[in-house]
């Protein structure tokens, strides 16, 4: 099973009736610890922050989608943990107040140099940001480095992005399900699968202002 919208009561019913299934993606259902094959968004998001940090960036903005759910919770948790660990400054609404959307104050902060790196949750937001910066005569990565916390392999821009190993996850899910069918007493544990951070053309070493 996969998807963000399955009925959680139905998932709990399947689990308690002993129906063999696995869920692709982390889903939390109280009292029903069914096995999930989980992309490790936390580690990948933290790695993206560290890559930007290694390029000299110290002032960040986080831009959230309006979507909620465990995959986004994990991305946000990974970002927050890395920001805290590295002592990065982030005063954006997406970080401080958990607000979604690309706010004028974020674009203004990029324009005046007080933010030098942006981490955004989707290609859609990244493209919107690129357009708004171009309208001000600014560009990526010359004026701000941008990383995207989703797979952008089909995009026209070579974004620095997070890549989900879909085939590997599918194989693990099928193998785990076969084990469960062949041996009803087999362990039904979740599996964490590493995601790749794919370098792109949208981050660069800090070039203006002073890294803080």
Protein backbone atom coordinates (compact mmCIF):
# COMPACT_ATOMS: atom_id res chain seq x y z
CA UNK A 1 0.00 0.00 0.00
CA UNK A 2 1.14 3.55 -0.60
CA UNK A 3 -0.16 7.08 -0.66
CA UNK A 4 -0.83 9.94 1.72
CA UNK A 5 -4.60 9.47 2.00
CA UNK A 6 -5.44 5.84 2.99
CA UNK A 7 -8.07 5.60 5.72
CA UNK A 8 -6.12 5.09 8.94
CA UNK A 9 -9.00 3.23 10.56
CA UNK A 10 -8.96 0.83 7.63
CA UNK A 11 -5.21 0.32 7.99
CA UNK A 12 -5.73 -0.45 11.67
CA UNK A 13 -8.50 -2.93 10.83
CA UNK A 14 -6.29 -4.76 8.31
CA UNK A 15 -3.48 -4.94 10.87
CA UNK A 16 -5.64 -6.27 13.68
CA UNK A 17 -7.24 -8.87 11.39
CA UNK A 18 -3.78 -10.18 10.54
CA UNK A 19 -3.92 -9.27 6.86
CA UNK A 20 -0.39 -9.34 5.42
CA UNK A 21 0.56 -5.95 4.01
CA UNK A 22 3.35 -3.41 3.98
CA UNK A 23 3.05 0.35 3.57
CA UNK A 24 5.44 2.33 1.43
CA UNK A 25 6.16 5.51 3.34
CA UNK A 26 5.91 6.09 7.08
CA UNK A 27 2.36 6.07 8.45
CA UNK A 28 1.58 6.27 12.15
CA UNK A 29 -1.64 4.63 13.32
CA UNK A 30 -2.12 4.38 17.08
CA UNK A 31 -2.20 0.77 18.23
CA UNK A 32 -1.35 -0.65 14.79
CA UNK A 33 2.42 -0.86 14.29
CA UNK A 34 2.25 -2.27 10.75
CA UNK A 35 5.51 -2.50 8.77
CA UNK A 36 6.49 0.47 6.60
CA UNK A 37 9.25 0.89 4.04
CA UNK A 38 10.38 4.40 4.89
CA UNK A 39 12.49 6.79 2.78
CA UNK A 40 14.92 8.42 5.20
CA UNK A 41 13.89 12.02 4.58
CA UNK A 42 15.29 13.16 7.92
CA UNK A 43 18.86 12.20 7.14
CA UNK A 44 18.67 13.55 3.58
CA UNK A 45 17.24 16.90 4.69
CA UNK A 46 19.97 17.21 7.31
CA UNK A 47 22.60 16.37 4.67
CA UNK A 48 21.27 19.14 2.41
CA UNK A 49 21.63 21.64 5.26
CA UNK A 50 25.18 20.47 5.93
CA UNK A 51 26.11 20.81 2.25
CA UNK A 52 24.93 24.40 2.25
CA UNK A 53 26.76 25.01 5.53
CA UNK A 54 29.96 23.60 3.99
CA UNK A 55 29.54 26.15 1.17
CA UNK A 56 29.75 28.93 3.75
CA UNK A 57 26.06 29.66 4.30
CA UNK A 58 24.93 30.60 7.80
CA UNK A 59 21.62 32.43 7.22
CA UNK A 60 18.84 30.25 5.85
CA UNK A 61 15.16 30.42 4.96
CA UNK A 62 12.87 27.39 5.01
CA UNK A 63 9.84 27.47 2.70
CA UNK A 64 7.06 24.99 3.42
CA UNK A 65 4.34 23.49 1.29
CA UNK A 66 0.79 23.49 2.69
CA UNK A 67 0.77 19.66 2.71
CA UNK A 68 0.92 17.85 6.04
CA UNK A 69 1.80 14.24 6.80
CA UNK A 70 4.63 12.02 7.95
CA UNK A 71 6.88 12.47 4.87
CA UNK A 72 6.82 16.24 5.38
CA UNK A 73 7.16 15.88 9.15
CA UNK A 74 10.35 13.89 8.57
CA UNK A 75 11.82 16.46 6.18
CA UNK A 76 11.08 19.26 8.63
CA UNK A 77 12.51 17.33 11.56
CA UNK A 78 15.72 16.63 9.65
CA UNK A 79 16.07 20.29 8.72
CA UNK A 80 15.44 21.45 12.29
CA UNK A 81 17.93 19.03 13.78
CA UNK A 82 20.69 20.15 11.41
CA UNK A 83 19.94 23.85 11.96
CA UNK A 84 20.18 23.35 15.72
CA UNK A 85 23.32 21.25 15.50
CA UNK A 86 25.15 23.72 13.25
CA UNK A 87 23.92 26.91 14.91
CA UNK A 88 22.36 28.24 11.72
CA UNK A 89 20.17 31.35 11.76
CA UNK A 90 16.68 30.98 10.26
CA UNK A 91 14.10 33.69 10.92
CA UNK A 92 11.71 32.66 8.15
CA UNK A 93 7.97 32.09 8.76
CA UNK A 94 8.36 28.53 7.53
CA UNK A 95 10.84 27.80 10.29
CA UNK A 96 9.81 30.01 13.18
CA UNK A 97 6.02 29.73 12.86
CA UNK A 98 5.55 26.64 10.67
CA UNK A 99 3.73 28.76 8.08
CA UNK A 100 3.46 27.62 4.48
CA UNK A 101 4.06 29.67 1.35
CA UNK A 102 6.71 31.93 -0.14
CA UNK A 103 6.46 35.14 1.89
CA UNK A 104 7.56 38.58 0.68
CA UNK A 105 9.83 38.86 3.71
CA UNK A 106 11.80 35.80 2.53
CA UNK A 107 12.31 37.26 -0.95
CA UNK A 108 13.21 40.62 0.61
CA UNK A 109 15.76 38.97 2.90
CA UNK A 110 17.38 37.26 -0.07
CA UNK A 111 17.42 40.52 -2.02
CA UNK A 112 19.14 42.47 0.77
CA UNK A 113 21.65 39.68 1.43
CA UNK A 114 20.52 38.77 4.93
CA UNK A 115 19.55 35.26 3.70
CA UNK A 116 22.01 33.43 1.47
CA UNK A 117 20.48 29.92 1.32
CA UNK A 118 16.92 28.66 0.91
CA UNK A 119 15.65 25.14 1.47
CA UNK A 120 12.25 24.59 -0.13
CA UNK A 121 9.92 21.62 0.03
CA UNK A 122 8.93 21.39 -3.64
CA UNK A 123 10.00 22.14 -7.17
CA UNK A 124 6.86 24.28 -7.51
CA UNK A 125 8.06 26.62 -4.77
CA UNK A 126 11.58 26.65 -6.18
CA UNK A 127 10.31 27.75 -9.58
CA UNK A 128 8.14 30.45 -8.00
CA UNK A 129 11.14 31.71 -6.04
CA UNK A 130 13.29 31.73 -9.18
CA UNK A 131 10.70 33.81 -11.04
CA UNK A 132 10.33 36.33 -8.24
CA UNK A 133 14.08 36.74 -7.94
CA UNK A 134 14.49 37.20 -11.69
CA UNK A 135 11.89 39.98 -11.54
CA UNK A 136 14.28 41.77 -9.14
CA UNK A 137 17.33 41.14 -11.29
CA UNK A 138 18.61 38.36 -9.01
CA UNK A 139 19.55 34.79 -9.86
CA UNK A 140 20.25 31.34 -8.43
CA UNK A 141 22.92 30.48 -7.27
CA UNK A 142 24.68 33.83 -7.74
CA UNK A 143 22.51 35.64 -5.19
CA UNK A 144 21.08 32.73 -3.20
CA UNK A 145 21.67 28.99 -3.09
CA UNK A 146 18.52 26.85 -3.29
CA UNK A 147 17.98 23.17 -2.45
CA UNK A 148 14.76 21.24 -2.98
CA UNK A 149 13.51 18.51 -0.64
CA UNK A 150 11.92 16.38 -3.37
CA UNK A 151 12.89 14.58 -6.55
CA UNK A 152 13.32 17.12 -9.37
CA UNK A 153 14.85 14.77 -11.95
CA UNK A 154 12.28 15.77 -14.59
CA UNK A 155 12.71 19.51 -14.06
CA UNK A 156 14.19 21.88 -16.60
CA UNK A 157 16.51 23.27 -13.91
CA UNK A 158 19.25 21.11 -12.42
CA UNK A 159 18.19 21.73 -8.81
CA UNK A 160 20.13 20.42 -5.86
CA UNK A 161 17.57 17.89 -4.69
CA UNK A 162 16.57 14.85 -2.69
CA UNK A 163 16.22 11.62 -4.68
CA UNK A 164 14.01 8.75 -3.53
CA UNK A 165 15.29 5.24 -4.45
CA UNK A 166 11.89 4.11 -5.71
CA UNK A 167 12.95 0.82 -7.31
CA UNK A 168 14.91 -0.22 -4.24
CA UNK A 169 11.97 0.61 -1.99
CA UNK A 170 9.63 -1.36 -4.24
CA UNK A 171 11.90 -4.42 -4.18
CA UNK A 172 12.22 -4.29 -0.40
CA UNK A 173 8.44 -3.97 -0.02
CA UNK A 174 7.73 -6.97 -2.26
CA UNK A 175 10.42 -9.09 -0.58
CA UNK A 176 9.06 -8.22 2.87
CA UNK A 177 5.50 -9.06 1.80
CA UNK A 178 6.58 -12.44 0.39
CA UNK A 179 8.29 -13.23 3.71
CA UNK A 180 5.10 -12.38 5.58
CA UNK A 181 2.94 -14.58 3.30
CA UNK A 182 5.33 -17.52 3.47
CA UNK A 183 5.89 -17.22 7.20
CA UNK A 184 3.06 -15.61 9.20
CA UNK A 185 5.38 -15.52 12.21
CA UNK A 186 8.10 -13.57 10.38
CA UNK A 187 9.07 -10.24 12.00
CA UNK A 188 6.92 -7.37 10.82
CA UNK A 189 9.36 -4.52 11.29
CA UNK A 190 9.67 -1.29 9.38
CA UNK A 191 12.69 -0.65 7.15
CA UNK A 192 14.45 2.71 6.74
CA UNK A 193 15.92 3.29 3.26
CA UNK A 194 18.52 5.99 2.61
CA UNK A 195 17.69 8.74 0.11
CA UNK A 196 20.34 10.34 -2.09
CA UNK A 197 21.17 14.02 -2.17
CA UNK A 198 21.87 14.82 -5.81
CA UNK A 199 24.20 17.77 -6.45
CA UNK A 200 22.85 20.39 -8.80
CA UNK A 201 23.65 23.78 -10.29
CA UNK A 202 21.62 25.75 -7.75
CA UNK A 203 24.01 25.97 -4.81
CA UNK A 204 27.37 27.71 -4.67
CA UNK A 205 29.82 29.08 -2.15
CA UNK A 206 28.62 32.26 -0.50
CA UNK A 207 29.65 35.20 -2.69
CA UNK A 208 28.31 38.34 -1.08
CA UNK A 209 27.65 39.61 2.38
CA UNK A 210 29.21 38.13 5.47
CA UNK A 211 28.44 34.59 6.57
CA UNK A 212 27.04 34.69 10.10
